[in-house]
Amino acid sequence: MNPGSADSVMAMLIWLINASYRAFSDTRLLFALEQTAGRGRRGRAWAACPGDSLTFSLRHTFALRAHVLSGLSLAVGVALADALYARGITDIALKWPNDLMRADRKLGGVLIELSSPPAGDTTAVIGVGLNLALPPAGDYAHAPAALCPDAPDREVWLDVGAALADALACMLAQFAAQGFVPFADRWNHYNLHAGRTVTVSGDGAQLRGRCLGADHDGALRLDCDGRIERVLAGDVSLRTAP
């Protein structure tokens, strides 16, 4: 489904799910040409101008409880990175847990929201934002990167969107059966900070150590002066240490 313009693609898809709106009760994938109030991780805004960005949200229901889905956000990043690499974006990298990067600049991001009733399946809504062209100048947490030197035509927008959606569909089926384990090596292959000294801060605490990569369950492993620390995906900020 393509609504043209939306405040937030993820918010619209969640509303359709919660409202059980009959016409869209089976909606699983929602694209928008323009997004005016999108949300990124840590509450940051993610706006999308027509033709400059690709924004979409995908709904998937797992016959699993939410606590079993450790590593899902990293597996999403791997699927997207693989799809872009196959299109010739050979400098693609991942910043833990799933930011898409090119040469230390942010190409795209992912936000995942899970809902799980006391008894039943878990529904994941996966929101993806990708810069097709450079966004307008602004105060960004990370300098932006783009897939194309200029705003691409509609065919490129559709082609990239289809490739990413297909990659996510394949990943979700494999993740439901095998978890994050089969994706761990690929994530570590794309790890932007592999072997680099980083600081990880969140919940009032800070860790500094050498980045060892993702564990089999998606936790980030740090060598902190010989002590191995594991950081779980959540509201954390990871930076290369000075």
C-alpha atoms as a PDB file:
ATOM      1  CA  MET A   1       0.000   0.000   0.000  1.00  0.00           C
ATOM      2  CA  ASN A   2       1.253   3.502  -0.838  1.00  0.00           C
ATOM      3  CA  PRO A   3      -0.540   6.426   0.901  1.00  0.00           C
ATOM      4  CA  GLY A   4       1.476   9.167  -0.848  1.00  0.00           C
ATOM      5  CA  SER A   5       2.124  11.447   2.130  1.00  0.00           C
ATOM      6  CA  ALA A   6       1.956  10.531   5.810  1.00  0.00           C
ATOM      7  CA  ASP A   7       2.956  12.050   9.140  1.00  0.00           C
ATOM      8  CA  SER A   8       4.591   8.757  10.128  1.00  0.00           C
ATOM      9  CA  VAL A   9       4.404   5.538   8.133  1.00  0.00           C
ATOM     10  CA  MET A  10       4.931   3.424  11.251  1.00  0.00           C
ATOM     11  CA  ALA A  11       2.261   5.305  13.210  1.00  0.00           C
ATOM     12  CA  MET A  12      -0.222   4.915  10.358  1.00  0.00           C
ATOM     13  CA  LEU A  13       0.403   1.180  10.044  1.00  0.00           C
ATOM     14  CA  ILE A  14       0.066   0.683  13.805  1.00  0.00           C
ATOM     15  CA  TRP A  15      -3.183   2.665  13.744  1.00  0.00           C
ATOM     16  CA  LEU A  16      -4.554   0.460  10.969  1.00  0.00           C
ATOM     17  CA  ILE A  17      -3.618  -2.657  12.929  1.00  0.00           C
ATOM     18  CA  ASN A  18      -5.108  -1.425  16.214  1.00  0.00           C
ATOM     19  CA  ALA A  19      -8.255  -0.063  14.581  1.00  0.00           C
ATOM     20  CA  SER A  20      -8.743  -3.289  12.606  1.00  0.00           C
ATOM     21  CA  TYR A  21      -9.855  -1.038   9.792  1.00  0.00           C
ATOM     22  CA  ARG A  22     -11.629  -3.471   7.499  1.00  0.00           C
ATOM     23  CA  ALA A  23     -10.241  -2.184   4.213  1.00  0.00           C
ATOM     24  CA  PHE A  24      -6.676  -2.544   5.496  1.00  0.00           C
ATOM     25  CA  SER A  25      -6.991  -5.439   7.941  1.00  0.00           C
ATOM     26  CA  ASP A  26      -4.483  -7.502   5.943  1.00  0.00           C
ATOM     27  CA  THR A  27      -2.029  -4.660   5.303  1.00  0.00           C
ATOM     28  CA  ARG A  28       1.529  -5.866   5.860  1.00  0.00           C
ATOM     29  CA  LEU A  29       3.616  -3.310   3.980  1.00  0.00           C
ATOM     30  CA  LEU A  30       3.086   0.445   3.828  1.00  0.00           C
ATOM     31  CA  PHE A  31       5.179   2.857   1.712  1.00  0.00           C
ATOM     32  CA  ALA A  32       5.049   6.663   1.706  1.00  0.00           C
ATOM     33  CA  LEU A  33       6.423   9.096  -0.848  1.00  0.00           C
ATOM     34  CA  GLU A  34       6.576  11.784   1.842  1.00  0.00           C
ATOM     35  CA  GLN A  35       6.834  11.553   5.621  1.00  0.00           C
ATOM     36  CA  THR A  36       6.441  14.704   7.695  1.00  0.00           C
ATOM     37  CA  ALA A  37       6.724  13.446  11.279  1.00  0.00           C
ATOM     38  CA  GLY A  38       8.604  10.165  11.169  1.00  0.00           C
ATOM     39  CA  ARG A  39      10.369   8.820  14.238  1.00  0.00           C
ATOM     40  CA  GLY A  40      13.836   7.368  14.527  1.00  0.00           C
ATOM     41  CA  ARG A  41      15.585   5.697  17.426  1.00  0.00           C
ATOM     42  CA  ARG A  42      15.863   7.658  20.687  1.00  0.00           C
ATOM     43  CA  GLY A  43      12.909   9.826  19.649  1.00  0.00           C
ATOM     44  CA  ARG A  44      14.741  11.588  16.841  1.00  0.00           C
ATOM     45  CA  ALA A  45      12.778  12.931  13.886  1.00  0.00           C
ATOM     46  CA  TRP A  46      13.065  11.357  10.436  1.00  0.00           C
ATOM     47  CA  ALA A  47      11.457  13.441   7.711  1.00  0.00           C
ATOM     48  CA  ALA A  48      11.229  12.325   4.089  1.00  0.00           C
ATOM     49  CA  CYS A  49      10.848  14.631   1.109  1.00  0.00           C
ATOM     50  CA  PRO A  50       9.213  13.350  -2.093  1.00  0.00           C
ATOM     51  CA  GLY A  51      11.793  11.508  -4.182  1.00  0.00           C
ATOM     52  CA  ASP A  52      14.652  12.045  -1.723  1.00  0.00           C
ATOM     53  CA  SER A  53      13.902   9.255   0.742  1.00  0.00           C
ATOM     54  CA  LEU A  54      12.442   5.788   0.862  1.00  0.00           C
ATOM     55  CA  THR A  55      10.262   5.204   3.920  1.00  0.00           C
ATOM     56  CA  PHE A  56       8.185   2.154   4.653  1.00  0.00           C
ATOM     57  CA  SER A  57       6.919  -0.008   7.490  1.00  0.00           C
ATOM     58  CA  LEU A  58       6.407  -3.751   7.467  1.00  0.00           C
ATOM     59  CA  ARG A  59       4.210  -5.746   9.812  1.00  0.00           C
ATOM     60  CA  HIS A  60       5.051  -9.333  10.691  1.00  0.00           C
ATOM     61  CA  THR A  61       3.490 -11.634  13.271  1.00  0.00           C
ATOM     62  CA  PHE A  62       5.673 -14.204  15.013  1.00  0.00           C
ATOM     63  CA  ALA A  63       4.266 -17.295  16.695  1.00  0.00           C
ATOM     64  CA  LEU A  64       6.739 -16.466  19.455  1.00  0.00           C
ATOM     65  CA  ARG A  65       6.835 -14.384  22.604  1.00  0.00           C
ATOM     66  CA  ALA A  66       8.682 -11.060  22.506  1.00  0.00           C
ATOM     67  CA  HIS A  67      11.519 -12.201  24.784  1.00  0.00           C
ATOM     68  CA  VAL A  68      12.496 -14.861  22.211  1.00  0.00           C
ATOM     69  CA  LEU A  69      13.092 -12.246  19.505  1.00  0.00           C
ATOM     70  CA  SER A  70      16.511 -11.130  20.727  1.00  0.00           C
ATOM     71  CA  GLY A  71      18.621 -10.022  17.790  1.00  0.00           C
ATOM     72  CA  LEU A  72      15.716  -9.184  15.485  1.00  0.00           C
ATOM     73  CA  SER A  73      16.806  -5.572  15.049  1.00  0.00           C
ATOM     74  CA  LEU A  74      20.303  -6.682  14.016  1.00  0.00           C
ATOM     75  CA  ALA A  75      18.935  -9.274  11.582  1.00  0.00           C
ATOM     76  CA  VAL A  76      16.864  -6.524   9.953  1.00  0.00           C
ATOM     77  CA  GLY A  77      20.040  -4.505   9.470  1.00  0.00           C
ATOM     78  CA  VAL A  78      21.805  -7.494   7.895  1.00  0.00           C
ATOM     79  CA  ALA A  79      18.957  -8.089   5.436  1.00  0.00           C
ATOM     80  CA  LEU A  80      18.950  -4.451   4.340  1.00  0.00           C
ATOM     81  CA  ALA A  81      22.748  -4.300   4.073  1.00  0.00           C
ATOM     82  CA  ASP A  82      22.830  -7.497   1.996  1.00  0.00           C
ATOM     83  CA  ALA A  83      20.203  -6.103  -0.375  1.00  0.00           C
ATOM     84  CA  LEU A  84      22.111  -2.843  -0.833  1.00  0.00           C
ATOM     85  CA  TYR A  85      25.427  -4.649  -1.279  1.00  0.00           C
ATOM     86  CA  ALA A  86      23.832  -6.730  -4.031  1.00  0.00           C
ATOM     87  CA  ARG A  87      22.963  -3.441  -5.764  1.00  0.00           C
ATOM     88  CA  GLY A  88      26.606  -2.388  -5.804  1.00  0.00           C
ATOM     89  CA  ILE A  89      26.755  -0.411  -2.540  1.00  0.00           C
ATOM     90  CA  THR A  90      29.967  -2.158  -1.505  1.00  0.00           C
ATOM     91  CA  ASP A  91      30.890   0.363   1.210  1.00  0.00           C
ATOM     92  CA  ILE A  92      27.752  -0.367   3.236  1.00  0.00           C
ATOM     93  CA  ALA A  93      28.326  -0.879   6.974  1.00  0.00           C
ATOM     94  CA  LEU A  94      26.232  -1.353  10.111  1.00  0.00           C
ATOM     95  CA  LYS A  95      26.443   0.689  13.281  1.00  0.00           C
ATOM     96  CA  TRP A  96      25.083  -1.327  16.180  1.00  0.00           C
ATOM     97  CA  PRO A  97      22.358  -2.312  16.278  1.00  0.00           C
ATOM     98  CA  ASN A  98      21.083  -1.547  12.772  1.00  0.00           C
ATOM     99  CA  ASP A  99      21.988   1.906  11.439  1.00  0.00           C
ATOM    100  CA  LEU A 100      22.976   1.749   7.765  1.00  0.00           C
ATOM    101  CA  MET A 101      26.217   3.652   7.194  1.00  0.00           C
ATOM    102  CA  ARG A 102      28.510   4.707   4.357  1.00  0.00           C
ATOM    103  CA  ALA A 103      31.978   5.918   5.381  1.00  0.00           C
ATOM    104  CA  ASP A 104      30.845   6.940   8.886  1.00  0.00           C
ATOM    105  CA  ARG A 105      27.836   8.781   7.441  1.00  0.00           C
ATOM    106  CA  LYS A 106      24.273   7.650   8.051  1.00  0.00           C
ATOM    107  CA  LEU A 107      22.465   6.249   5.036  1.00  0.00           C
ATOM    108  CA  GLY A 108      19.405   4.881   6.783  1.00  0.00           C
ATOM    109  CA  GLY A 109      17.856   3.739  10.014  1.00  0.00           C
ATOM    110  CA  VAL A 110      15.452   1.215  11.457  1.00  0.00           C
ATOM    111  CA  LEU A 111      12.903   1.424  14.267  1.00  0.00           C
ATOM    112  CA  ILE A 112      11.085  -1.679  15.534  1.00  0.00           C
ATOM    113  CA  GLU A 113       8.061  -1.776  17.818  1.00  0.00           C
ATOM    114  CA  LEU A 114       6.803  -5.045  19.302  1.00  0.00           C
ATOM    115  CA  SER A 115       3.365  -5.749  20.726  1.00  0.00           C
ATOM    116  CA  SER A 116       2.641  -8.956  22.562  1.00  0.00           C
ATOM    117  CA  PRO A 117      -0.592  -9.652  24.471  1.00  0.00           C
ATOM    118  CA  PRO A 118      -0.390 -11.671  27.705  1.00  0.00           C
ATOM    119  CA  ALA A 119      -1.123 -14.821  25.728  1.00  0.00           C
ATOM    120  CA  GLY A 120      -0.587 -15.024  22.011  1.00  0.00           C
ATOM    121  CA  ASP A 121       1.698 -14.131  19.143  1.00  0.00           C
ATOM    122  CA  THR A 122       4.028 -11.133  18.885  1.00  0.00           C
ATOM    123  CA  THR A 123       3.486  -8.499  16.211  1.00  0.00           C
ATOM    124  CA  ALA A 124       6.511  -6.571  14.978  1.00  0.00           C
ATOM    125  CA  VAL A 125       6.219  -3.320  13.042  1.00  0.00           C
ATOM    126  CA  ILE A 126       9.522  -2.568  11.331  1.00  0.00           C
ATOM    127  CA  GLY A 127      10.026   1.002  10.140  1.00  0.00           C
ATOM    128  CA  VAL A 128      12.778   1.737   7.606  1.00  0.00           C
ATOM    129  CA  GLY A 129      14.091   5.077   6.365  1.00  0.00           C
ATOM    130  CA  LEU A 130      16.725   5.349   3.622  1.00  0.00           C
ATOM    131  CA  ASN A 131      18.255   8.455   2.048  1.00  0.00           C
ATOM    132  CA  LEU A 132      18.042   8.104  -1.726  1.00  0.00           C
ATOM    133  CA  ALA A 133      19.487  11.619  -2.120  1.00  0.00           C
ATOM    134  CA  LEU A 134      21.092  13.885   0.456  1.00  0.00           C
ATOM    135  CA  PRO A 135      18.529  15.608   2.706  1.00  0.00           C
ATOM    136  CA  PRO A 136      18.452  19.391   3.162  1.00  0.00           C
ATOM    137  CA  ALA A 137      21.171  20.904   5.343  1.00  0.00           C
ATOM    138  CA  GLY A 138      20.377  20.604   9.026  1.00  0.00           C
ATOM    139  CA  ASP A 139      21.590  19.683  12.502  1.00  0.00           C
ATOM    140  CA  TYR A 140      21.962  15.906  12.261  1.00  0.00           C
ATOM    141  CA  ALA A 141      23.275  13.560  14.945  1.00  0.00           C
ATOM    142  CA  HIS A 142      25.263  11.867  12.160  1.00  0.00           C
ATOM    143  CA  ALA A 143      26.298  13.462   8.893  1.00  0.00           C
ATOM    144  CA  PRO A 144      23.964  12.001   6.252  1.00  0.00           C
ATOM    145  CA  ALA A 145      24.902   9.817   3.303  1.00  0.00           C
ATOM    146  CA  ALA A 146      22.806   9.016   0.234  1.00  0.00           C
ATOM    147  CA  LEU A 147      22.305   6.120  -2.125  1.00  0.00           C
ATOM    148  CA  CYS A 148      22.360   8.317  -5.249  1.00  0.00           C
ATOM    149  CA  PRO A 149      24.172  11.568  -6.124  1.00  0.00           C
ATOM    150  CA  ASP A 150      20.850  13.216  -7.063  1.00  0.00           C
ATOM    151  CA  ALA A 151      17.167  12.525  -6.486  1.00  0.00           C
ATOM    152  CA  PRO A 152      16.409   9.359  -8.495  1.00  0.00           C
ATOM    153  CA  ASP A 153      13.427   8.800 -10.728  1.00  0.00           C
ATOM    154  CA  ARG A 154      10.361   6.807  -9.656  1.00  0.00           C
ATOM    155  CA  GLU A 155      11.649   3.557 -11.169  1.00  0.00           C
ATOM    156  CA  VAL A 156      14.697   3.575  -8.884  1.00  0.00           C
ATOM    157  CA  TRP A 157      12.486   4.327  -5.867  1.00  0.00           C
ATOM    158  CA  LEU A 158      10.250   1.368  -6.703  1.00  0.00           C
ATOM    159  CA  ASP A 159      13.154  -0.947  -7.501  1.00  0.00           C
ATOM    160  CA  VAL A 160      15.020  -0.235  -4.275  1.00  0.00           C
ATOM    161  CA  GLY A 161      11.828  -0.482  -2.231  1.00  0.00           C
ATOM    162  CA  ALA A 162      10.958  -3.863  -3.736  1.00  0.00           C
ATOM    163  CA  ALA A 163      14.486  -5.188  -3.171  1.00  0.00           C
ATOM    164  CA  LEU A 164      14.513  -4.163   0.498  1.00  0.00           C
ATOM    165  CA  ALA A 165      11.002  -5.494   1.139  1.00  0.00           C
ATOM    166  CA  ASP A 166      11.881  -8.840  -0.474  1.00  0.00           C
ATOM    167  CA  ALA A 167      15.058  -9.087   1.596  1.00  0.00           C
ATOM    168  CA  LEU A 168      13.121  -8.450   4.809  1.00  0.00           C
ATOM    169  CA  ALA A 169      10.479 -11.035   3.922  1.00  0.00           C
ATOM    170  CA  CYS A 170      13.140 -13.709   3.413  1.00  0.00           C
ATOM    171  CA  MET A 171      14.940 -12.711   6.604  1.00  0.00           C
ATOM    172  CA  LEU A 172      11.785 -12.837   8.718  1.00  0.00           C
ATOM    173  CA  ALA A 173      11.014 -16.392   7.647  1.00  0.00           C
ATOM    174  CA  GLN A 174      14.540 -17.538   8.501  1.00  0.00           C
ATOM    175  CA  PHE A 175      14.626 -15.601  11.773  1.00  0.00           C
ATOM    176  CA  ALA A 176      11.340 -17.156  12.903  1.00  0.00           C
ATOM    177  CA  ALA A 177      12.855 -20.613  12.414  1.00  0.00           C
ATOM    178  CA  GLN A 178      16.459 -20.066  13.524  1.00  0.00           C
ATOM    179  CA  GLY A 179      16.749 -16.802  15.425  1.00  0.00           C
ATOM    180  CA  PHE A 180      19.746 -14.500  15.059  1.00  0.00           C
ATOM    181  CA  VAL A 181      22.449 -17.199  14.937  1.00  0.00           C
ATOM    182  CA  PRO A 182      22.605 -17.522  11.110  1.00  0.00           C
ATOM    183  CA  PHE A 183      22.877 -13.720  10.790  1.00  0.00           C
ATOM    184  CA  ALA A 184      25.635 -13.113  13.345  1.00  0.00           C
ATOM    185  CA  ASP A 185      28.594 -13.606  11.002  1.00  0.00           C
ATOM    186  CA  ARG A 186      27.057 -11.318   8.379  1.00  0.00           C
ATOM    187  CA  TRP A 187      26.417  -8.614  10.951  1.00  0.00           C
ATOM    188  CA  ASN A 188      30.021  -8.821  12.111  1.00  0.00           C
ATOM    189  CA  HIS A 189      31.154  -8.624   8.490  1.00  0.00           C
ATOM    190  CA  TYR A 190      29.386  -5.248   8.180  1.00  0.00           C
ATOM    191  CA  ASN A 191      30.351  -4.005  11.672  1.00  0.00           C
ATOM    192  CA  LEU A 192      31.441  -0.371  11.289  1.00  0.00           C
ATOM    193  CA  HIS A 193      33.317  -0.365  14.596  1.00  0.00           C
ATOM    194  CA  ALA A 194      35.050  -3.749  14.378  1.00  0.00           C
ATOM    195  CA  GLY A 195      38.238  -3.620  16.433  1.00  0.00           C
ATOM    196  CA  ARG A 196      37.779   0.074  17.234  1.00  0.00           C
ATOM    197  CA  THR A 197      37.623   1.584  20.701  1.00  0.00           C
ATOM    198  CA  VAL A 198      34.117   2.834  21.380  1.00  0.00           C
ATOM    199  CA  THR A 199      32.028   4.230  24.198  1.00  0.00           C
ATOM    200  CA  VAL A 200      28.518   2.946  24.815  1.00  0.00           C
ATOM    201  CA  SER A 201      26.262   5.042  27.021  1.00  0.00           C
ATOM    202  CA  GLY A 202      22.721   4.544  28.221  1.00  0.00           C
ATOM    203  CA  ASP A 203      20.620   4.386  31.381  1.00  0.00           C
ATOM    204  CA  GLY A 204      23.083   6.691  33.115  1.00  0.00           C
ATOM    205  CA  ALA A 205      26.035   4.327  32.616  1.00  0.00           C
ATOM    206  CA  GLN A 206      28.940   4.316  30.192  1.00  0.00           C
ATOM    207  CA  LEU A 207      31.272   1.609  28.930  1.00  0.00           C
ATOM    208  CA  ARG A 208      34.490   2.058  26.989  1.00  0.00           C
ATOM    209  CA  GLY A 209      36.206  -0.802  25.209  1.00  0.00           C
ATOM    210  CA  ARG A 210      37.263  -2.430  21.977  1.00  0.00           C
ATOM    211  CA  CYS A 211      34.321  -3.520  19.842  1.00  0.00           C
ATOM    212  CA  LEU A 212      34.371  -7.295  19.346  1.00  0.00           C
ATOM    213  CA  GLY A 213      31.101  -7.499  17.440  1.00  0.00           C
ATOM    214  CA  ALA A 214      27.715  -9.103  17.963  1.00  0.00           C
ATOM    215  CA  ASP A 215      27.165 -12.278  19.959  1.00  0.00           C
ATOM    216  CA  HIS A 216      24.906 -15.140  18.859  1.00  0.00           C
ATOM    217  CA  ASP A 217      21.922 -13.447  20.541  1.00  0.00           C
ATOM    218  CA  GLY A 218      22.607  -9.957  19.166  1.00  0.00           C
ATOM    219  CA  ALA A 219      24.346  -8.533  22.226  1.00  0.00           C
ATOM    220  CA  LEU A 220      27.279  -6.221  21.494  1.00  0.00           C
ATOM    221  CA  ARG A 221      30.536  -7.524  22.970  1.00  0.00           C
ATOM    222  CA  LEU A 222      33.160  -5.105  24.279  1.00  0.00           C
ATOM    223  CA  ASP A 223      36.646  -5.860  25.560  1.00  0.00           C
ATOM    224  CA  CYS A 224      36.967  -3.453  28.476  1.00  0.00           C
ATOM    225  CA  ASP A 225      40.597  -3.859  29.581  1.00  0.00           C
ATOM    226  CA  GLY A 226      40.365  -7.645  29.422  1.00  0.00           C
ATOM    227  CA  ARG A 227      36.850  -7.845  30.850  1.00  0.00           C
ATOM    228  CA  ILE A 228      34.185  -8.832  28.317  1.00  0.00           C
ATOM    229  CA  GLU A 229      30.980  -6.831  28.641  1.00  0.00           C
ATOM    230  CA  ARG A 230      27.752  -7.554  26.759  1.00  0.00           C
ATOM    231  CA  VAL A 231      25.380  -4.747  25.803  1.00  0.00           C
ATOM    232  CA  LEU A 232      21.818  -5.582  24.811  1.00  0.00           C
ATOM    233  CA  ALA A 233      19.993  -3.683  22.075  1.00  0.00           C
ATOM    234  CA  GLY A 234      18.077  -0.807  23.561  1.00  0.00           C
ATOM    235  CA  ASP A 235      18.241   2.934  24.081  1.00  0.00           C
ATOM    236  CA  VAL A 236      22.004   3.300  23.981  1.00  0.00           C
ATOM    237  CA  SER A 237      24.383   5.621  22.164  1.00  0.00           C
ATOM    238  CA  LEU A 238      27.546   4.195  20.599  1.00  0.00           C
ATOM    239  CA  ARG A 239      30.415   6.457  19.536  1.00  0.00           C
ATOM    240  CA  THR A 240      33.990   5.950  18.428  1.00  0.00           C
ATOM    241  CA  ALA A 241      36.168   6.921  21.385  1.00  0.00           C
ATOM    242  CA  PRO A 242      38.609   9.819  20.904  1.00  0.00           C
END
